[in-house]
Protein backbone atom coordinates (compact mmCIF):
# COMPACT_ATOMS: atom_id res chain seq x y z
CA MET A 1 -5.94 17.77 41.82
CA SER A 2 -3.37 16.55 39.29
CA LYS A 3 0.20 17.83 39.56
CA ARG A 4 0.62 17.53 35.80
CA LYS A 5 1.23 20.80 33.99
CA ARG A 6 0.12 19.63 30.55
CA SER A 7 -2.74 17.95 28.76
CA THR A 8 -2.13 14.28 27.99
CA PRO A 9 -3.28 12.81 24.66
CA TYR A 10 -4.93 9.40 24.91
CA SER A 11 -4.88 6.69 22.24
CA ILE A 12 -5.85 3.07 21.50
CA LEU A 13 -3.75 -0.01 20.81
CA GLU A 14 -5.93 -2.48 18.90
CA LEU A 15 -5.06 -6.17 18.66
CA ALA A 16 -8.23 -7.13 16.78
CA SER A 17 -9.01 -9.85 19.33
CA VAL A 18 -11.14 -12.64 17.89
CA ALA A 19 -14.03 -13.65 20.13
CA ALA A 20 -15.40 -17.17 20.44
CA GLN A 21 -18.42 -17.68 18.18
CA SER A 22 -17.31 -14.75 15.99
CA THR A 23 -15.32 -14.45 12.75
CA VAL A 24 -12.21 -12.62 11.57
CA GLN A 25 -14.38 -10.50 9.26
CA LYS A 26 -16.63 -9.45 12.16
CA THR A 27 -13.54 -8.71 14.24
CA PHE A 28 -12.28 -6.28 11.59
CA GLU A 29 -15.72 -4.65 11.35
CA ASN A 30 -15.73 -4.19 15.13
CA SER A 31 -12.25 -2.64 14.97
CA LEU A 32 -13.41 -0.10 12.42
CA ASP A 33 -16.55 0.66 14.42
CA LEU A 34 -14.40 1.28 17.49
CA ALA A 35 -12.02 3.53 15.54
CA GLN A 36 -14.93 5.59 14.20
CA LYS A 37 -16.38 6.04 17.68
CA ALA A 38 -12.94 6.68 19.22
CA GLU A 39 -12.42 9.49 16.74
CA LYS A 40 -15.56 11.19 18.08
CA MET A 41 -14.46 10.52 21.69
CA GLY A 42 -11.26 12.52 21.22
CA TYR A 43 -8.72 9.70 20.98
CA ASN A 44 -5.47 10.78 19.35
CA ARG A 45 -4.26 7.59 17.65
CA PHE A 46 -5.51 4.16 16.72
CA TRP A 47 -2.58 1.77 16.43
CA LEU A 48 -2.72 -1.82 15.18
CA ALA A 49 -0.43 -4.52 16.58
CA GLU A 50 1.40 -7.28 14.70
CA HIS A 51 0.97 -10.89 15.85
CA HIS A 52 1.21 -14.18 13.97
CA ASN A 53 -0.10 -17.72 14.37
CA MET A 54 -2.48 -16.78 17.21
CA ILE A 55 -6.14 -17.68 16.77
CA SER A 56 -7.17 -15.01 19.28
CA ILE A 57 -5.55 -12.08 17.44
CA ALA A 58 -6.33 -11.04 13.86
CA SER A 59 -3.88 -8.15 13.49
CA SER A 60 -1.25 -9.98 11.46
CA ALA A 61 -1.31 -8.05 8.15
CA THR A 62 -0.82 -4.77 9.98
CA SER A 63 -0.33 -2.38 7.07
CA VAL A 64 -3.44 -3.74 5.33
CA LEU A 65 -5.52 -3.19 8.47
CA ILE A 66 -4.14 0.33 8.85
CA GLY A 67 -5.40 1.16 5.36
CA TYR A 68 -8.82 -0.28 6.21
CA ILE A 69 -9.11 1.77 9.42
CA ALA A 70 -7.72 4.97 7.91
CA GLY A 71 -10.08 4.66 4.95
CA GLY A 72 -13.08 4.40 7.26
CA THR A 73 -12.14 7.33 9.52
CA GLU A 74 -11.51 11.03 8.91
CA LYS A 75 -8.97 12.56 11.28
CA ILE A 76 -7.70 10.13 13.92
CA ARG A 77 -4.06 9.13 13.41
CA VAL A 78 -3.69 5.46 12.42
CA GLY A 79 -0.49 3.49 12.72
CA SER A 80 1.44 0.41 13.75
CA GLY A 81 1.97 -0.60 17.31
CA GLY A 82 3.98 -1.94 15.77
CA ILE A 83 5.61 -3.33 12.70
CA MET A 84 8.00 -6.00 13.99
CA LEU A 85 10.88 -4.95 11.78
CA PRO A 86 12.97 -8.17 11.89
CA ASN A 87 10.00 -9.88 10.20
CA HIS A 88 10.19 -7.53 7.19
CA SER A 89 12.39 -5.96 4.57
CA PRO A 90 12.99 -2.26 5.34
CA LEU A 91 12.37 -1.46 1.66
CA ILE A 92 8.95 -3.14 1.69
CA VAL A 93 8.00 -1.39 4.95
CA ALA A 94 8.94 1.97 3.42
CA GLU A 95 6.91 1.23 0.29
CA GLN A 96 3.86 0.14 2.29
CA PHE A 97 3.89 3.10 4.66
CA GLY A 98 4.87 5.54 1.94
CA THR A 99 1.75 4.41 0.11
CA LEU A 100 -0.37 4.78 3.25
CA GLY A 101 1.14 8.20 3.94
CA SER A 102 0.25 9.37 0.44
CA LEU A 103 -3.29 8.01 0.66
CA TYR A 104 -3.93 9.50 4.13
CA PRO A 105 -1.62 12.53 4.46
CA GLY A 106 -0.68 13.58 7.97
CA ARG A 107 -2.49 10.65 9.59
CA ILE A 108 -0.12 7.65 9.43
CA ASP A 109 2.36 6.61 12.15
CA LEU A 110 5.08 3.96 11.79
CA GLY A 111 5.83 2.26 15.10
CA LEU A 112 8.77 -0.16 14.86
CA GLY A 113 9.66 -2.99 17.24
CA ARG A 114 12.11 -5.86 17.19
CA ALA A 115 10.18 -8.66 18.91
CA PRO A 116 8.80 -11.44 16.67
CA GLY A 117 5.17 -11.08 17.72
CA THR A 118 4.88 -14.85 17.75
CA ASP A 119 6.63 -18.08 18.79
CA GLN A 120 10.13 -18.92 17.58
CA VAL A 121 9.03 -21.62 15.12
CA THR A 122 6.62 -19.22 13.42
CA ALA A 123 9.22 -16.44 13.52
CA HIS A 124 11.61 -18.69 11.59
CA ALA A 125 8.86 -19.44 9.06
CA ILE A 126 8.33 -15.70 8.55
CA ARG A 127 11.99 -14.92 7.99
CA SER A 128 14.71 -17.51 8.42
CA ASP A 129 17.43 -14.89 8.91
CA ARG A 130 15.44 -12.82 11.39
CA MET A 131 18.04 -13.14 14.18
CA GLN A 132 20.52 -11.31 11.99
CA ALA A 133 17.87 -8.65 11.43
CA VAL A 134 17.28 -8.36 15.19
CA HIS A 135 20.92 -7.36 15.68
CA LYS A 136 20.65 -4.94 12.75
CA PHE A 137 17.51 -3.27 14.11
CA PRO A 138 19.08 0.22 14.55
CA GLU A 139 20.58 0.09 11.06
CA GLU A 140 17.31 -1.08 9.51
CA VAL A 141 15.43 1.78 11.21
CA SER A 142 17.93 4.14 9.55
CA GLU A 143 17.37 2.41 6.21
CA ILE A 144 13.65 3.11 6.43
CA GLN A 145 14.31 6.75 7.30
CA GLN A 146 16.61 7.00 4.30
CA TYR A 147 13.95 5.59 1.98
CA PHE A 148 11.55 8.29 3.22
CA SER A 149 14.11 11.01 2.61
CA ALA A 150 13.67 13.15 -0.50
CA ALA A 151 17.45 12.96 -0.88
CA ASN A 152 17.17 9.23 -1.59
CA SER A 153 16.00 10.09 -5.12
CA ARG A 154 19.65 9.80 -6.20
CA ALA A 155 20.13 6.32 -4.70
CA LYS A 156 20.30 3.09 -6.69
CA VAL A 157 17.63 1.49 -4.48
CA ARG A 158 14.57 3.66 -3.92
CA ALA A 159 11.12 3.48 -2.36
CA THR A 160 9.75 6.06 -4.73
CA VAL A 161 6.29 6.14 -3.14
CA ALA A 162 7.88 7.05 0.22
CA GLU A 163 10.29 9.80 -0.78
CA GLY A 164 9.34 13.05 0.92
CA VAL A 165 6.20 11.57 2.50
CA GLU A 166 5.59 12.58 6.12
CA VAL A 167 5.28 9.40 8.21
CA PRO A 168 6.78 9.79 11.72
CA VAL A 169 8.72 6.84 13.13
CA TYR A 170 8.22 5.64 16.72
CA ILE A 171 10.43 3.10 18.51
CA LEU A 172 8.56 0.46 20.52
CA GLY A 173 9.97 -1.46 23.44
CA SER A 174 9.15 -3.87 26.25
CA SER A 175 12.65 -3.86 27.78
CA THR A 176 15.56 -1.44 27.98
CA ASP A 177 17.13 -2.34 24.62
CA SER A 178 14.98 -0.14 22.41
CA ALA A 179 15.21 2.77 24.86
CA HIS A 180 18.85 3.17 23.80
CA VAL A 181 17.87 3.11 20.12
CA ALA A 182 15.09 5.67 20.53
CA ALA A 183 17.34 7.98 22.57
CA GLU A 184 20.32 7.79 20.23
CA LYS A 185 18.18 8.41 17.15
CA GLY A 186 16.13 11.18 18.75
CA LEU A 187 12.81 9.41 18.10
CA PRO A 188 9.63 9.12 20.19
CA TYR A 189 9.45 6.04 22.40
CA ALA A 190 6.44 3.83 23.25
CA PHE A 191 6.73 1.28 26.06
CA ALA A 192 4.58 -1.86 26.30
CA SER A 193 3.81 -1.51 30.01
CA HIS A 194 0.38 -3.04 29.38
CA PHE A 195 1.97 -6.51 29.41
CA ALA A 196 5.67 -6.04 30.29
CA PRO A 197 5.89 -3.40 33.04
CA ALA A 198 8.98 -4.71 34.84
CA GLN A 199 11.54 -2.46 33.14
CA LEU A 200 9.30 0.54 32.47
CA PHE A 201 11.02 3.02 34.75
CA GLU A 202 14.53 1.86 33.89
CA ALA A 203 13.74 2.17 30.18
CA LEU A 204 12.24 5.64 30.61
CA ASN A 205 15.28 6.80 32.59
CA ILE A 206 17.64 5.55 29.87
CA TYR A 207 15.58 7.29 27.21
CA TYR A 208 15.35 10.61 29.04
CA ASN A 209 19.00 10.67 30.12
CA LYS A 210 20.48 9.63 26.79
CA PHE A 211 18.09 11.42 24.44
CA THR A 212 19.81 13.24 21.59
CA PRO A 213 17.76 15.90 19.77
CA SER A 214 17.27 15.18 16.08
CA LYS A 215 15.59 16.71 13.05
CA TYR A 216 12.60 14.54 13.95
CA LEU A 217 12.27 15.51 17.62
CA ASP A 218 13.86 18.23 19.75
CA LYS A 219 12.95 16.75 23.15
CA PRO A 220 11.87 13.34 24.46
CA TYR A 221 8.36 12.08 23.79
CA THR A 222 7.03 8.98 25.52
CA ILE A 223 3.90 6.84 25.27
CA GLY A 224 2.95 4.47 28.10
CA CYS A 225 0.55 1.61 27.46
CA ILE A 226 -2.03 0.34 29.94
CA ASN A 227 -4.97 -2.06 30.04
CA VAL A 228 -8.34 -0.58 30.93
CA ILE A 229 -11.61 -2.33 31.63
CA ALA A 230 -14.07 0.30 32.81
CA ALA A 231 -17.79 -0.14 33.48
CA ASN A 232 -20.63 1.67 35.18
CA THR A 233 -20.01 -0.30 38.38
CA SER A 234 -17.03 -2.05 39.96
CA GLU A 235 -18.92 -5.33 39.94
CA LYS A 236 -19.67 -5.11 36.22
CA ALA A 237 -16.02 -4.30 35.44
CA GLU A 238 -14.85 -7.26 37.52
CA ASP A 239 -17.19 -9.61 35.65
CA ILE A 240 -16.06 -8.25 32.27
CA SER A 241 -12.42 -8.70 33.31
CA THR A 242 -12.83 -12.48 33.58
CA THR A 243 -12.30 -12.54 29.81
CA LEU A 244 -8.86 -10.98 30.31
CA VAL A 245 -8.03 -13.30 33.21
CA ARG A 246 -8.84 -16.39 31.15
CA LEU A 247 -6.92 -14.99 28.15
CA MET A 248 -3.79 -14.33 30.22
CA LEU A 249 -4.07 -17.76 31.83
CA GLY A 250 -3.95 -19.20 28.32
CA VAL A 251 -0.87 -17.10 27.51
CA MET A 252 0.90 -18.21 30.72
CA THR A 253 0.13 -21.91 30.14
CA GLY A 254 0.61 -21.91 26.36
CA ASP A 255 -3.05 -22.84 25.80
CA ILE A 256 -4.21 -19.82 23.79
CA ASP A 257 -7.85 -19.83 22.78
CA TYR A 258 -10.37 -17.42 21.29
CA MET A 259 -11.48 -14.56 23.52
CA GLN A 260 -14.09 -16.08 25.82
CA PRO A 261 -17.34 -14.52 27.12
CA PRO A 262 -17.19 -13.17 30.67
CA THR A 263 -18.42 -15.14 33.67
CA LYS A 264 -18.87 -14.34 37.31
CA MET A 265 -15.54 -13.91 39.10
CA THR A 266 -15.17 -17.34 40.67
CA ALA A 267 -12.80 -18.29 43.48
CA GLU A 268 -10.64 -20.11 40.91
CA LEU A 269 -10.38 -17.05 38.66
CA LYS A 270 -9.59 -14.85 41.67
CA GLU A 271 -6.77 -17.22 42.51
CA VAL A 272 -5.42 -16.89 38.96
CA ALA A 273 -5.69 -13.09 39.11
CA ALA A 274 -3.79 -13.09 42.42
CA ASN A 275 -0.95 -15.21 41.00
CA PRO A 276 2.35 -13.27 41.30
CA ALA A 277 3.22 -13.85 37.62
CA PHE A 278 -0.21 -12.56 36.60
CA GLN A 279 0.12 -9.56 38.89
CA ARG A 280 3.56 -8.71 37.50
CA MET A 281 2.37 -8.93 33.90
CA LEU A 282 -0.79 -6.89 34.48
CA LYS A 283 0.50 -4.35 36.99
CA TYR A 284 -1.05 -1.63 34.85
CA ALA A 285 -4.46 -3.21 34.25
CA PHE A 286 -6.97 -0.66 35.53
CA ILE A 287 -10.28 -2.43 36.18
CA GLY A 288 -13.26 -0.81 37.82
CA SER A 289 -15.73 2.03 37.84
CA LYS A 290 -15.00 5.44 36.36
CA ALA A 291 -13.79 6.79 39.70
CA GLU A 292 -11.48 3.80 40.26
CA VAL A 293 -10.01 3.94 36.76
CA LYS A 294 -9.54 7.70 37.08
CA GLN A 295 -7.58 7.35 40.32
CA LYS A 296 -5.33 4.62 38.90
CA THR A 297 -4.76 6.47 35.62
CA GLU A 298 -3.88 9.71 37.37
CA ALA A 299 -1.36 7.86 39.55
CA PHE A 300 0.17 6.20 36.48
CA LEU A 301 0.56 9.52 34.65
CA GLU A 302 2.13 11.23 37.65
CA GLU A 303 4.48 8.33 38.47
CA THR A 304 5.72 7.85 34.91
CA GLY A 305 5.53 11.36 33.46
CA VAL A 306 4.72 9.94 30.02
CA ASN A 307 3.56 12.40 27.38
CA GLU A 308 0.74 10.19 26.10
CA VAL A 309 -1.21 7.18 27.33
CA MET A 310 -2.27 4.31 25.06
CA VAL A 311 -5.00 1.87 26.06
CA ALA A 312 -5.46 -1.79 25.18
CA SER A 313 -8.49 -3.85 26.16
CA HIS A 314 -9.63 -7.45 25.86
CA ILE A 315 -13.40 -7.17 26.25
CA TYR A 316 -15.70 -9.79 24.75
CA ASP A 317 -18.85 -7.78 24.03
CA PRO A 318 -18.28 -4.90 21.57
CA ARG A 319 -20.87 -2.82 23.44
CA ASP A 320 -19.03 -3.25 26.73
CA ARG A 321 -15.77 -2.41 24.99
CA ILE A 322 -17.10 0.81 23.48
CA ASN A 323 -18.59 1.77 26.84
CA SER A 324 -15.21 1.17 28.49
CA TYR A 325 -13.46 3.42 25.99
CA GLN A 326 -16.17 6.06 26.42
CA ILE A 327 -15.64 6.03 30.19
CA PHE A 328 -11.87 6.28 29.76
CA SER A 329 -12.30 9.19 27.37
CA GLU A 330 -14.34 10.97 30.04
CA VAL A 331 -11.63 10.16 32.59
CA MET A 332 -8.92 11.69 30.43
CA GLN A 333 -10.97 14.76 29.61
CA GLU A 334 -11.51 15.35 33.33
CA LEU A 335 -7.85 14.79 34.18
CA ASN A 336 -6.75 17.09 31.37
CA LYS A 337 -9.17 19.76 32.55
CA ASP A 338 -7.71 19.47 36.07
CA SER A 339 -4.16 19.78 34.75
């Protein structure tokens, strides 16, 4: 029986992973299909990431993809997980998300991070002065909030399509830095524990202890991200997970390729999965049957105390991926019923 006293919303972080032998167009179609099914499964949000110069990830024009997903769904919240703010002008971000917020009222989220979402050479090609913007991240978050304010109608520089539009801002982080920003500004905080779990608890403690209530939020709100690969049997889940193992091996060695079809879990792949660096990076990768994923998810929720859980998955076959998200939805519904 769960010790939690509240129901926990569950959401999806979509990277639009491009599979071998597929196309970018098909990847986007699969993302929309997943969002439509996730909406019926009870998922709360569908967030799109921002990555650049990576053949395996198609979520680079994040705001465009958000419009595509929101336009093809009815009620699920759609947002950015996130917009890497140092890559962009705050004014342009406000205009883009003000437009989205007007087109899809009450359904758009603006998650903001400060990582480049790519390698340093590409980051420089995106914005040559981005390092200055990194240091100005808190100020640029405030700029965006000002552009969304109805009071900005008297300013010399305006994002007229954003003024008065309701688009909540979330601060994203994979270390402790952004925890300070989220706490000081009184904004909700999402932590990337699905790939960078090392500082999760330290970051959460900073956020909770330093949180200052604001007009946006009266008490802390946290989202924890995990990887989930669920299947009808443990053996099937293990086989499906070989796609993730091979993908992370490519990340660790700098040899990034398209998402590869699963294979049997060989001795070599088991050795990779047991590597300490791999284990550290994927501490919160819950792979297995429904019962196994449920046990691991419940432990994660109780250990962290996060208000919401967000799931990422790298699964080659769209049918296996949808089945995994269906199983996780059932897991969360059962856990929420117990709570």
